[in-house]
PDB file of N, CA and C in Angstrom:
ATOM      1  N   UNK A   1       0.837  -1.176   0.000  1.00  0.00           N
ATOM      2  CA  UNK A   1       0.000   0.000   0.000  1.00  0.00           C
ATOM      3  C   UNK A   1       0.886   1.245   0.000  1.00  0.00           C
ATOM      4  N   UNK A   2       0.675   2.136  -0.906  1.00  0.00           N
ATOM      5  CA  UNK A   2       1.455   3.371  -1.014  1.00  0.00           C
ATOM      6  C   UNK A   2       0.948   4.404  -0.018  1.00  0.00           C
ATOM      7  N   UNK A   3       1.885   5.148   0.538  1.00  0.00           N
ATOM      8  CA  UNK A   3       1.540   6.219   1.472  1.00  0.00           C
ATOM      9  C   UNK A   3       1.499   7.523   0.688  1.00  0.00           C
ATOM     10  N   UNK A   4       0.414   8.249   0.839  1.00  0.00           N
ATOM     11  CA  UNK A   4       0.262   9.528   0.142  1.00  0.00           C
ATOM     12  C   UNK A   4       1.034  10.613   0.889  1.00  0.00           C
ATOM     13  N   UNK A   5       1.974  11.251   0.210  1.00  0.00           N
ATOM     14  CA  UNK A   5       2.737  12.364   0.778  1.00  0.00           C
ATOM     15  C   UNK A   5       2.320  13.628   0.042  1.00  0.00           C
ATOM     16  N   UNK A   6       1.725  14.585   0.747  1.00  0.00           N
ATOM     17  CA  UNK A   6       1.318  15.825   0.082  1.00  0.00           C
ATOM     18  C   UNK A   6       2.510  16.514  -0.580  1.00  0.00           C
ATOM     19  N   UNK A   7       2.281  17.128  -1.724  1.00  0.00           N
ATOM     20  CA  UNK A   7       3.350  17.829  -2.427  1.00  0.00           C
ATOM     21  C   UNK A   7       4.019  18.882  -1.573  1.00  0.00           C
ATOM     22  N   UNK A   8       3.248  19.552  -0.728  1.00  0.00           N
ATOM     23  CA  UNK A   8       3.824  20.595   0.120  1.00  0.00           C
ATOM     24  C   UNK A   8       4.839  20.003   1.099  1.00  0.00           C
ATOM     25  N   UNK A   9       4.561  18.820   1.618  1.00  0.00           N
ATOM     26  CA  UNK A   9       5.512  18.171   2.512  1.00  0.00           C
ATOM     27  C   UNK A   9       6.774  17.774   1.762  1.00  0.00           C
ATOM     28  N   UNK A  10       6.609  17.284   0.568  1.00  0.00           N
ATOM     29  CA  UNK A  10       7.758  16.912  -0.257  1.00  0.00           C
ATOM     30  C   UNK A  10       8.608  18.154  -0.557  1.00  0.00           C
ATOM     31  N   UNK A  11       7.940  19.274  -0.780  1.00  0.00           N
ATOM     32  CA  UNK A  11       8.624  20.539  -1.040  1.00  0.00           C
ATOM     33  C   UNK A  11       9.473  20.943   0.173  1.00  0.00           C
ATOM     34  N   UNK A  12       8.943  20.768   1.379  1.00  0.00           N
ATOM     35  CA  UNK A  12       9.699  21.081   2.591  1.00  0.00           C
ATOM     36  C   UNK A  12      10.921  20.173   2.710  1.00  0.00           C
ATOM     37  N   UNK A  13      10.759  18.890   2.448  1.00  0.00           N
ATOM     38  CA  UNK A  13      11.875  17.950   2.547  1.00  0.00           C
ATOM     39  C   UNK A  13      12.981  18.319   1.559  1.00  0.00           C
ATOM     40  N   UNK A  14      12.613  18.620   0.333  1.00  0.00           N
ATOM     41  CA  UNK A  14      13.596  18.993  -0.688  1.00  0.00           C
ATOM     42  C   UNK A  14      14.316  20.276  -0.291  1.00  0.00           C
ATOM     43  N   UNK A  15      13.560  21.247   0.243  1.00  0.00           N
ATOM     44  CA  UNK A  15      14.161  22.512   0.682  1.00  0.00           C
ATOM     45  C   UNK A  15      15.146  22.281   1.829  1.00  0.00           C
ATOM     46  N   UNK A  16      14.784  21.427   2.772  1.00  0.00           N
ATOM     47  CA  UNK A  16      15.674  21.139   3.904  1.00  0.00           C
ATOM     48  C   UNK A  16      16.944  20.434   3.449  1.00  0.00           C
ATOM     49  N   UNK A  17      16.831  19.490   2.533  1.00  0.00           N
ATOM     50  CA  UNK A  17      18.021  18.783   2.047  1.00  0.00           C
ATOM     51  C   UNK A  17      18.956  19.722   1.290  1.00  0.00           C
ATOM     52  N   UNK A  18      18.386  20.648   0.524  1.00  0.00           N
ATOM     53  CA  UNK A  18      19.210  21.645  -0.170  1.00  0.00           C
ATOM     54  C   UNK A  18      19.868  22.579   0.837  1.00  0.00           C
ATOM     55  N   UNK A  19      19.123  22.959   1.882  1.00  0.00           N
ATOM     56  CA  UNK A  19      19.673  23.803   2.945  1.00  0.00           C
ATOM     57  C   UNK A  19      20.828  23.093   3.634  1.00  0.00           C
ATOM     58  N   UNK A  20      20.644  21.818   3.956  1.00  0.00           N
ATOM     59  CA  UNK A  20      21.700  21.040   4.613  1.00  0.00           C
ATOM     60  C   UNK A  20      22.973  21.040   3.770  1.00  0.00           C
ATOM     61  N   UNK A  21      22.844  20.817   2.480  1.00  0.00           N
ATOM     62  CA  UNK A  21      24.006  20.758   1.601  1.00  0.00           C
ATOM     63  C   UNK A  21      24.788  22.067   1.607  1.00  0.00           C
ATOM     64  N   UNK A  22      24.073  23.197   1.488  1.00  0.00           N
ATOM     65  CA  UNK A  22      24.732  24.516   1.464  1.00  0.00           C
ATOM     66  C   UNK A  22      25.273  24.903   2.838  1.00  0.00           C
ATOM     67  N   UNK A  23      24.473  24.667   3.860  1.00  0.00           N
ATOM     68  CA  UNK A  23      24.816  25.068   5.224  1.00  0.00           C
ATOM     69  C   UNK A  23      26.048  24.341   5.746  1.00  0.00           C
ATOM     70  N   UNK A  24      26.158  23.068   5.391  1.00  0.00           N
ATOM     71  CA  UNK A  24      27.236  22.233   5.932  1.00  0.00           C
ATOM     72  C   UNK A  24      28.375  22.031   4.950  1.00  0.00           C
ATOM     73  N   UNK A  25      28.337  22.724   3.826  1.00  0.00           N
ATOM     74  CA  UNK A  25      29.339  22.540   2.775  1.00  0.00           C
ATOM     75  C   UNK A  25      29.404  21.092   2.314  1.00  0.00           C
ATOM     76  N   UNK A  26      28.268  20.409   2.329  1.00  0.00           N
ATOM     77  CA  UNK A  26      28.212  19.025   1.865  1.00  0.00           C
ATOM     78  C   UNK A  26      28.834  18.012   2.809  1.00  0.00           C
ATOM     79  N   UNK A  27      29.101  18.399   4.046  1.00  0.00           N
ATOM     80  CA  UNK A  27      29.696  17.489   5.030  1.00  0.00           C
ATOM     81  C   UNK A  27      28.715  16.348   5.333  1.00  0.00           C
ATOM     82  N   UNK A  28      29.066  15.102   4.985  1.00  0.00           N
ATOM     83  CA  UNK A  28      28.132  13.982   5.183  1.00  0.00           C
ATOM     84  C   UNK A  28      27.890  13.635   6.656  1.00  0.00           C
ATOM     85  N   UNK A  29      28.764  14.099   7.547  1.00  0.00           N
ATOM     86  CA  UNK A  29      28.606  13.809   8.974  1.00  0.00           C
ATOM     87  C   UNK A  29      27.720  14.819   9.693  1.00  0.00           C
ATOM     88  N   UNK A  30      27.421  15.928   9.042  1.00  0.00           N
ATOM     89  CA  UNK A  30      26.593  16.966   9.656  1.00  0.00           C
ATOM     90  C   UNK A  30      25.114  16.611   9.521  1.00  0.00           C
ATOM     91  N   UNK A  31      24.355  16.897  10.548  1.00  0.00           N
ATOM     92  CA  UNK A  31      22.914  16.637  10.566  1.00  0.00           C
ATOM     93  C   UNK A  31      22.583  15.223  10.057  1.00  0.00           C
ATOM     94  N   UNK A  32      23.092  14.202  10.735  1.00  0.00           N
ATOM     95  CA  UNK A  32      22.922  12.822  10.256  1.00  0.00           C
ATOM     96  C   UNK A  32      21.475  12.349  10.179  1.00  0.00           C
ATOM     97  N   UNK A  33      20.590  12.918  10.972  1.00  0.00           N
ATOM     98  CA  UNK A  33      19.186  12.485  10.919  1.00  0.00           C
ATOM     99  C   UNK A  33      18.461  13.016   9.682  1.00  0.00           C
ATOM    100  N   UNK A  34      19.054  13.999   9.004  1.00  0.00           N
ATOM    101  CA  UNK A  34      18.424  14.581   7.816  1.00  0.00           C
ATOM    102  C   UNK A  34      18.667  13.650   6.628  1.00  0.00           C
ATOM    103  N   UNK A  35      17.850  12.601   6.527  1.00  0.00           N
ATOM    104  CA  UNK A  35      17.987  11.638   5.451  1.00  0.00           C
ATOM    105  C   UNK A  35      16.628  11.017   5.140  1.00  0.00           C
ATOM    106  N   UNK A  36      16.612  10.115   4.206  1.00  0.00           N
ATOM    107  CA  UNK A  36      15.359   9.518   3.721  1.00  0.00           C
ATOM    108  C   UNK A  36      14.738   8.511   4.689  1.00  0.00           C
ATOM    109  N   UNK A  37      15.476   8.076   5.727  1.00  0.00           N
ATOM    110  CA  UNK A  37      14.951   7.023   6.607  1.00  0.00           C
ATOM    111  C   UNK A  37      13.915   7.534   7.612  1.00  0.00           C
ATOM    112  N   UNK A  38      13.887   8.843   7.857  1.00  0.00           N
ATOM    113  CA  UNK A  38      12.933   9.444   8.791  1.00  0.00           C
ATOM    114  C   UNK A  38      12.118  10.516   8.086  1.00  0.00           C
ATOM    115  N   UNK A  39      10.888  10.709   8.545  1.00  0.00           N
ATOM    116  CA  UNK A  39      10.117  11.856   8.071  1.00  0.00           C
ATOM    117  C   UNK A  39      10.832  13.117   8.564  1.00  0.00           C
ATOM    118  N   UNK A  40      10.888  14.157   7.760  1.00  0.00           N
ATOM    119  CA  UNK A  40      11.654  15.360   8.125  1.00  0.00           C
ATOM    120  C   UNK A  40      11.183  16.003   9.428  1.00  0.00           C
ATOM    121  N   UNK A  41       9.945  15.780   9.825  1.00  0.00           N
ATOM    122  CA  UNK A  41       9.467  16.341  11.088  1.00  0.00           C
ATOM    123  C   UNK A  41      10.156  15.699  12.292  1.00  0.00           C
ATOM    124  N   UNK A  42      10.834  14.595  12.083  1.00  0.00           N
ATOM    125  CA  UNK A  42      11.567  13.925  13.151  1.00  0.00           C
ATOM    126  C   UNK A  42      13.068  14.200  13.090  1.00  0.00           C
ATOM    127  N   UNK A  43      13.484  15.033  12.143  1.00  0.00           N
ATOM    128  CA  UNK A  43      14.893  15.357  12.008  1.00  0.00           C
ATOM    129  C   UNK A  43      15.353  16.255  13.148  1.00  0.00           C
ATOM    130  N   UNK A  44      16.598  16.096  13.521  1.00  0.00           N
ATOM    131  CA  UNK A  44      17.236  16.943  14.531  1.00  0.00           C
ATOM    132  C   UNK A  44      17.112  18.408  14.125  1.00  0.00           C
ATOM    133  N   UNK A  45      16.753  19.248  15.077  1.00  0.00           N
ATOM    134  CA  UNK A  45      16.683  20.709  14.898  1.00  0.00           C
ATOM    135  C   UNK A  45      15.491  21.195  14.088  1.00  0.00           C
ATOM    136  N   UNK A  46      14.580  20.309  13.709  1.00  0.00           N
ATOM    137  CA  UNK A  46      13.406  20.670  12.912  1.00  0.00           C
ATOM    138  C   UNK A  46      12.151  20.499  13.758  1.00  0.00           C
ATOM    139  N   UNK A  47      11.297  21.517  13.742  1.00  0.00           N
ATOM    140  CA  UNK A  47       9.990  21.428  14.385  1.00  0.00           C
ATOM    141  C   UNK A  47       8.939  21.641  13.308  1.00  0.00           C
ATOM    142  N   UNK A  48       7.902  20.810  13.340  1.00  0.00           N
ATOM    143  CA  UNK A  48       6.811  20.937  12.368  1.00  0.00           C
ATOM    144  C   UNK A  48       5.520  21.324  13.077  1.00  0.00           C
ATOM    145  N   UNK A  49       4.650  21.980  12.321  1.00  0.00           N
ATOM    146  CA  UNK A  49       3.332  22.312  12.862  1.00  0.00           C
ATOM    147  C   UNK A  49       2.535  21.020  12.993  1.00  0.00           C
ATOM    148  N   UNK A  50       1.748  20.936  14.042  1.00  0.00           N
ATOM    149  CA  UNK A  50       0.965  19.715  14.284  1.00  0.00           C
ATOM    150  C   UNK A  50      -0.102  19.503  13.224  1.00  0.00           C
ATOM    151  N   UNK A  51      -0.747  20.572  12.872  1.00  0.00           N
ATOM    152  CA  UNK A  51      -1.886  20.463  11.959  1.00  0.00           C
ATOM    153  C   UNK A  51      -1.471  20.135  10.523  1.00  0.00           C
ATOM    154  N   UNK A  52      -0.505  20.878   9.995  1.00  0.00           N
ATOM    155  CA  UNK A  52      -0.152  20.739   8.587  1.00  0.00           C
ATOM    156  C   UNK A  52       1.065  19.859   8.328  1.00  0.00           C
ATOM    157  N   UNK A  53       1.816  19.530   9.394  1.00  0.00           N
ATOM    158  CA  UNK A  53       3.052  18.748   9.241  1.00  0.00           C
ATOM    159  C   UNK A  53       4.016  19.433   8.277  1.00  0.00           C
ATOM    160  N   UNK A  54       4.156  20.751   8.460  1.00  0.00           N
ATOM    161  CA  UNK A  54       5.092  21.561   7.675  1.00  0.00           C
ATOM    162  C   UNK A  54       6.121  22.149   8.623  1.00  0.00           C
ATOM    163  N   UNK A  55       7.297  22.468   8.120  1.00  0.00           N
ATOM    164  CA  UNK A  55       8.377  22.995   8.948  1.00  0.00           C
ATOM    165  C   UNK A  55       7.976  24.363   9.494  1.00  0.00           C
ATOM    166  N   UNK A  56       7.974  24.478  10.834  1.00  0.00           N
ATOM    167  CA  UNK A  56       7.612  25.747  11.466  1.00  0.00           C
ATOM    168  C   UNK A  56       8.795  26.382  12.190  1.00  0.00           C
ATOM    169  N   UNK A  57       9.818  25.600  12.531  1.00  0.00           N
ATOM    170  CA  UNK A  57      10.985  26.154  13.226  1.00  0.00           C
ATOM    171  C   UNK A  57      12.230  25.341  12.907  1.00  0.00           C
ATOM    172  N   UNK A  58      13.360  26.044  12.838  1.00  0.00           N
ATOM    173  CA  UNK A  58      14.671  25.418  12.685  1.00  0.00           C
ATOM    174  C   UNK A  58      15.570  25.959  13.785  1.00  0.00           C
ATOM    175  N   UNK A  59      16.117  25.074  14.582  1.00  0.00           N
ATOM    176  CA  UNK A  59      17.027  25.437  15.672  1.00  0.00           C
ATOM    177  C   UNK A  59      18.418  24.942  15.300  1.00  0.00           C
ATOM    178  N   UNK A  60      19.174  25.747  14.599  1.00  0.00           N
ATOM    179  CA  UNK A  60      20.461  25.330  14.042  1.00  0.00           C
ATOM    180  C   UNK A  60      21.645  26.035  14.704  1.00  0.00           C
ATOM    181  N   UNK A  61      21.453  26.519  15.914  1.00  0.00           N
ATOM    182  CA  UNK A  61      22.472  27.301  16.597  1.00  0.00           C
ATOM    183  C   UNK A  61      23.684  26.461  17.010  1.00  0.00           C
ATOM    184  N   UNK A  62      24.785  27.183  17.262  1.00  0.00           N
ATOM    185  CA  UNK A  62      26.023  26.619  17.801  1.00  0.00           C
ATOM    186  C   UNK A  62      26.631  25.524  16.935  1.00  0.00           C
ATOM    187  N   UNK A  63      26.650  25.751  15.643  1.00  0.00           N
ATOM    188  CA  UNK A  63      27.291  24.834  14.704  1.00  0.00           C
ATOM    189  C   UNK A  63      28.357  25.621  13.945  1.00  0.00           C
ATOM    190  N   UNK A  64      29.393  24.962  13.540  1.00  0.00           N
ATOM    191  CA  UNK A  64      30.501  25.668  12.895  1.00  0.00           C
ATOM    192  C   UNK A  64      30.809  25.062  11.533  1.00  0.00           C
ATOM    193  N   UNK A  65      29.786  24.968  10.691  1.00  0.00           N
ATOM    194  CA  UNK A  65      29.943  24.392   9.376  1.00  0.00           C
ATOM    195  C   UNK A  65      30.582  25.357   8.383  1.00  0.00           C
ATOM    196  N   UNK A  66      30.371  26.641   8.547  1.00  0.00           N
ATOM    197  CA  UNK A  66      30.971  27.631   7.656  1.00  0.00           C
ATOM    198  C   UNK A  66      30.342  27.703   6.282  1.00  0.00           C
ATOM    199  N   UNK A  67      29.107  27.243   6.149  1.00  0.00           N
ATOM    200  CA  UNK A  67      28.436  27.257   4.856  1.00  0.00           C
ATOM    201  C   UNK A  67      27.616  28.510   4.630  1.00  0.00           C
ATOM    202  N   UNK A  68      26.675  28.404   3.728  1.00  0.00           N
ATOM    203  CA  UNK A  68      25.811  29.520   3.366  1.00  0.00           C
ATOM    204  C   UNK A  68      24.351  29.089   3.488  1.00  0.00           C
ATOM    205  N   UNK A  69      23.464  30.064   3.462  1.00  0.00           N
ATOM    206  CA  UNK A  69      22.034  29.758   3.439  1.00  0.00           C
ATOM    207  C   UNK A  69      21.608  29.517   2.003  1.00  0.00           C
ATOM    208  N   UNK A  70      20.841  28.471   1.792  1.00  0.00           N
ATOM    209  CA  UNK A  70      20.353  28.143   0.455  1.00  0.00           C
ATOM    210  C   UNK A  70      19.087  28.938   0.153  1.00  0.00           C
ATOM    211  N   UNK A  71      18.906  29.363  -1.085  1.00  0.00           N
ATOM    212  CA  UNK A  71      17.662  30.031  -1.467  1.00  0.00           C
ATOM    213  C   UNK A  71      16.429  29.170  -1.187  1.00  0.00           C
ATOM    214  N   UNK A  72      16.614  27.862  -1.130  1.00  0.00           N
ATOM    215  CA  UNK A  72      15.491  26.951  -0.865  1.00  0.00           C
ATOM    216  C   UNK A  72      14.839  27.216   0.486  1.00  0.00           C
ATOM    217  N   UNK A  73      15.541  27.911   1.369  1.00  0.00           N
ATOM    218  CA  UNK A  73      14.959  28.272   2.665  1.00  0.00           C
ATOM    219  C   UNK A  73      13.648  29.034   2.457  1.00  0.00           C
ATOM    220  N   UNK A  74      13.563  29.792   1.381  1.00  0.00           N
ATOM    221  CA  UNK A  74      12.353  30.542   1.064  1.00  0.00           C
ATOM    222  C   UNK A  74      11.163  29.665   0.707  1.00  0.00           C
ATOM    223  N   UNK A  75      11.389  28.376   0.459  1.00  0.00           N
ATOM    224  CA  UNK A  75      10.297  27.448   0.144  1.00  0.00           C
ATOM    225  C   UNK A  75       9.644  26.878   1.400  1.00  0.00           C
ATOM    226  N   UNK A  76      10.205  27.152   2.558  1.00  0.00           N
ATOM    227  CA  UNK A  76       9.629  26.670   3.817  1.00  0.00           C
ATOM    228  C   UNK A  76       8.575  27.674   4.269  1.00  0.00           C
ATOM    229  N   UNK A  77       7.452  27.672   3.587  1.00  0.00           N
ATOM    230  CA  UNK A  77       6.450  28.731   3.728  1.00  0.00           C
ATOM    231  C   UNK A  77       5.727  28.755   5.076  1.00  0.00           C
ATOM    232  N   UNK A  78       5.861  27.713   5.881  1.00  0.00           N
ATOM    233  CA  UNK A  78       5.256  27.707   7.211  1.00  0.00           C
ATOM    234  C   UNK A  78       6.275  28.065   8.293  1.00  0.00           C
ATOM    235  N   UNK A  79       7.499  28.394   7.897  1.00  0.00           N
ATOM    236  CA  UNK A  79       8.561  28.706   8.849  1.00  0.00           C
ATOM    237  C   UNK A  79       8.238  29.971   9.630  1.00  0.00           C
ATOM    238  N   UNK A  80       8.256  29.843  10.959  1.00  0.00           N
ATOM    239  CA  UNK A  80       7.962  30.967  11.844  1.00  0.00           C
ATOM    240  C   UNK A  80       9.203  31.430  12.601  1.00  0.00           C
ATOM    241  N   UNK A  81      10.149  30.520  12.798  1.00  0.00           N
ATOM    242  CA  UNK A  81      11.326  30.818  13.604  1.00  0.00           C
ATOM    243  C   UNK A  81      12.533  30.089  13.042  1.00  0.00           C
ATOM    244  N   UNK A  82      13.653  30.789  12.991  1.00  0.00           N
ATOM    245  CA  UNK A  82      14.914  30.140  12.647  1.00  0.00           C
ATOM    246  C   UNK A  82      15.981  30.713  13.571  1.00  0.00           C
ATOM    247  N   UNK A  83      16.685  29.830  14.229  1.00  0.00           N
ATOM    248  CA  UNK A  83      17.748  30.240  15.145  1.00  0.00           C
ATOM    249  C   UNK A  83      19.078  29.862  14.517  1.00  0.00           C
ATOM    250  N   UNK A  84      19.862  30.880  14.175  1.00  0.00           N
ATOM    251  CA  UNK A  84      21.166  30.688  13.552  1.00  0.00           C
ATOM    252  C   UNK A  84      22.273  31.313  14.408  1.00  0.00           C
ATOM    253  N   UNK A  85      22.038  31.407  15.706  1.00  0.00           N
ATOM    254  CA  UNK A  85      23.014  32.007  16.611  1.00  0.00           C
ATOM    255  C   UNK A  85      24.296  31.178  16.630  1.00  0.00           C
ATOM    256  N   UNK A  86      25.433  31.836  16.541  1.00  0.00           N
ATOM    257  CA  UNK A  86      26.745  31.189  16.603  1.00  0.00           C
ATOM    258  C   UNK A  86      26.883  30.050  15.602  1.00  0.00           C
ATOM    259  N   UNK A  87      26.563  30.332  14.364  1.00  0.00           N
ATOM    260  CA  UNK A  87      26.604  29.268  13.360  1.00  0.00           C
ATOM    261  C   UNK A  87      27.690  29.460  12.305  1.00  0.00           C
ATOM    262  N   UNK A  88      28.404  30.583  12.347  1.00  0.00           N
ATOM    263  CA  UNK A  88      29.543  30.798  11.472  1.00  0.00           C
ATOM    264  C   UNK A  88      29.186  30.686   9.985  1.00  0.00           C
ATOM    265  N   UNK A  89      28.182  31.431   9.580  1.00  0.00           N
ATOM    266  CA  UNK A  89      27.764  31.431   8.182  1.00  0.00           C
ATOM    267  C   UNK A  89      28.577  32.397   7.346  1.00  0.00           C
ATOM    268  N   UNK A  90      28.642  32.103   6.063  1.00  0.00           N
ATOM    269  CA  UNK A  90      29.255  33.008   5.098  1.00  0.00           C
ATOM    270  C   UNK A  90      28.151  33.516   4.178  1.00  0.00           C
ATOM    271  N   UNK A  91      28.420  34.586   3.487  1.00  0.00           N
ATOM    272  CA  UNK A  91      27.484  35.075   2.476  1.00  0.00           C
ATOM    273  C   UNK A  91      26.332  35.877   3.044  1.00  0.00           C
ATOM    274  N   UNK A  92      25.388  36.126   2.174  1.00  0.00           N
ATOM    275  CA  UNK A  92      24.241  36.951   2.524  1.00  0.00           C
ATOM    276  C   UNK A  92      22.984  36.112   2.677  1.00  0.00           C
ATOM    277  N   UNK A  93      21.982  36.723   3.266  1.00  0.00           N
ATOM    278  CA  UNK A  93      20.687  36.070   3.391  1.00  0.00           C
ATOM    279  C   UNK A  93      20.023  36.102   2.013  1.00  0.00           C
ATOM    280  N   UNK A  94      19.643  34.941   1.472  1.00  0.00           N
ATOM    281  CA  UNK A  94      19.006  34.924   0.149  1.00  0.00           C
ATOM    282  C   UNK A  94      17.711  35.739   0.145  1.00  0.00           C
ATOM    283  N   UNK A  95      17.476  36.431  -0.944  1.00  0.00           N
ATOM    284  CA  UNK A  95      16.284  37.285  -1.027  1.00  0.00           C
ATOM    285  C   UNK A  95      14.999  36.485  -0.901  1.00  0.00           C
ATOM    286  N   UNK A  96      15.025  35.193  -1.257  1.00  0.00           N
ATOM    287  CA  UNK A  96      13.838  34.350  -1.161  1.00  0.00           C
ATOM    288  C   UNK A  96      13.313  34.259   0.272  1.00  0.00           C
ATOM    289  N   UNK A  97      14.192  34.461   1.236  1.00  0.00           N
ATOM    290  CA  UNK A  97      13.797  34.412   2.643  1.00  0.00           C
ATOM    291  C   UNK A  97      12.822  35.552   2.955  1.00  0.00           C
ATOM    292  N   UNK A  98      12.903  36.627   2.217  1.00  0.00           N
ATOM    293  CA  UNK A  98      11.997  37.757   2.407  1.00  0.00           C
ATOM    294  C   UNK A  98      10.541  37.441   2.098  1.00  0.00           C
ATOM    295  N   UNK A  99      10.300  36.293   1.466  1.00  0.00           N
ATOM    296  CA  UNK A  99       8.932  35.885   1.134  1.00  0.00           C
ATOM    297  C   UNK A  99       8.286  35.059   2.240  1.00  0.00           C
ATOM    298  N   UNK A 100       8.993  34.844   3.326  1.00  0.00           N
ATOM    299  CA  UNK A 100       8.455  34.026   4.425  1.00  0.00           C
ATOM    300  C   UNK A 100       7.540  34.881   5.290  1.00  0.00           C
ATOM    301  N   UNK A 101       6.290  34.912   4.960  1.00  0.00           N
ATOM    302  CA  UNK A 101       5.312  35.802   5.593  1.00  0.00           C
ATOM    303  C   UNK A 101       4.965  35.408   7.025  1.00  0.00           C
ATOM    304  N   UNK A 102       5.190  34.161   7.408  1.00  0.00           N
ATOM    305  CA  UNK A 102       4.841  33.712   8.763  1.00  0.00           C
ATOM    306  C   UNK A 102       5.968  33.942   9.772  1.00  0.00           C
ATOM    307  N   UNK A 103       7.135  34.372   9.306  1.00  0.00           N
ATOM    308  CA  UNK A 103       8.283  34.562  10.182  1.00  0.00           C
ATOM    309  C   UNK A 103       7.937  35.581  11.271  1.00  0.00           C
ATOM    310  N   UNK A 104       8.238  35.219  12.508  1.00  0.00           N
ATOM    311  CA  UNK A 104       7.951  36.092  13.646  1.00  0.00           C
ATOM    312  C   UNK A 104       9.251  36.511  14.321  1.00  0.00           C
ATOM    313  N   UNK A 105       9.269  37.713  14.831  1.00  0.00           N
ATOM    314  CA  UNK A 105      10.414  38.171  15.609  1.00  0.00           C
ATOM    315  C   UNK A 105      11.695  38.151  14.813  1.00  0.00           C
ATOM    316  N   UNK A 106      12.795  38.069  15.548  1.00  0.00           N
ATOM    317  CA  UNK A 106      14.099  38.007  14.906  1.00  0.00           C
ATOM    318  C   UNK A 106      15.032  37.157  15.756  1.00  0.00           C
ATOM    319  N   UNK A 107      15.906  36.483  15.093  1.00  0.00           N
ATOM    320  CA  UNK A 107      16.943  35.696  15.735  1.00  0.00           C
ATOM    321  C   UNK A 107      18.261  36.101  15.121  1.00  0.00           C
ATOM    322  N   UNK A 108      19.324  35.646  15.682  1.00  0.00           N
ATOM    323  CA  UNK A 108      20.641  36.070  15.218  1.00  0.00           C
ATOM    324  C   UNK A 108      21.080  35.324  13.974  1.00  0.00           C
ATOM    325  N   UNK A 109      21.822  36.020  13.165  1.00  0.00           N
ATOM    326  CA  UNK A 109      22.429  35.471  11.967  1.00  0.00           C
ATOM    327  C   UNK A 109      23.914  35.734  12.071  1.00  0.00           C
ATOM    328  N   UNK A 110      24.694  34.683  12.139  1.00  0.00           N
ATOM    329  CA  UNK A 110      26.134  34.848  12.164  1.00  0.00           C
ATOM    330  C   UNK A 110      26.603  35.595  13.392  1.00  0.00           C
ATOM    331  N   UNK A 111      27.356  36.651  13.199  1.00  0.00           N
ATOM    332  CA  UNK A 111      27.959  37.413  14.285  1.00  0.00           C
ATOM    333  C   UNK A 111      27.006  38.457  14.834  1.00  0.00           C
ATOM    334  N   UNK A 112      25.937  37.992  15.448  1.00  0.00           N
ATOM    335  CA  UNK A 112      24.950  38.852  16.096  1.00  0.00           C
ATOM    336  C   UNK A 112      24.277  39.854  15.161  1.00  0.00           C
ATOM    337  N   UNK A 113      24.216  39.558  13.887  1.00  0.00           N
ATOM    338  CA  UNK A 113      23.442  40.378  12.960  1.00  0.00           C
ATOM    339  C   UNK A 113      22.006  39.914  13.040  1.00  0.00           C
ATOM    340  N   UNK A 114      21.086  40.805  12.964  1.00  0.00           N
ATOM    341  CA  UNK A 114      19.681  40.417  13.041  1.00  0.00           C
ATOM    342  C   UNK A 114      19.268  39.682  11.783  1.00  0.00           C
ATOM    343  N   UNK A 115      18.534  38.621  11.967  1.00  0.00           N
ATOM    344  CA  UNK A 115      17.976  37.856  10.860  1.00  0.00           C
ATOM    345  C   UNK A 115      16.486  38.049  10.881  1.00  0.00           C
ATOM    346  N   UNK A 116      15.997  38.810   9.943  1.00  0.00           N
ATOM    347  CA  UNK A 116      14.571  39.070   9.871  1.00  0.00           C
ATOM    348  C   UNK A 116      14.234  39.374   8.428  1.00  0.00           C
ATOM    349  N   UNK A 117      13.341  38.602   7.835  1.00  0.00           N
ATOM    350  CA  UNK A 117      12.972  38.904   6.453  1.00  0.00           C
ATOM    351  C   UNK A 117      12.402  40.314   6.331  1.00  0.00           C
ATOM    352  N   UNK A 118      12.607  40.904   5.195  1.00  0.00           N
ATOM    353  CA  UNK A 118      12.069  42.249   4.981  1.00  0.00           C
ATOM    354  C   UNK A 118      10.548  42.184   5.002  1.00  0.00           C
ATOM    355  N   UNK A 119       9.937  43.236   5.452  1.00  0.00           N
ATOM    356  CA  UNK A 119       8.474  43.272   5.539  1.00  0.00           C
ATOM    357  C   UNK A 119       7.838  43.792   4.256  1.00  0.00           C
ATOM    358  N   UNK A 120       8.627  44.055   3.240  1.00  0.00           N
ATOM    359  CA  UNK A 120       8.114  44.582   1.973  1.00  0.00           C
ATOM    360  C   UNK A 120       7.448  43.508   1.171  1.00  0.00           C
TER     361      UNK A 120
END
């Protein structure tokens, strides 16, 4: 019997895997739970909404991967919170992140820079 996976959930999984690749510079040892054997809502550092089973929070603080944020982060349309404190990121925040309308408040990006999508 096949299990029906909504396209929106598949979109979140693809976005997270692309984020992992960019964020960790492709390090296969980073975020080991982020793989096909578990539903992404059970992945380390990922919180999903109960009702829609979509990514609502990412707690990725205190990691030293030295990667960048992937534009795919903008596809996590239910994302409300992302914590990137002390994560040693390079580059800029992709403009696609500005489309995250559910994002609340602000958390740190890199060296105590505010991470908050533009309200435009």
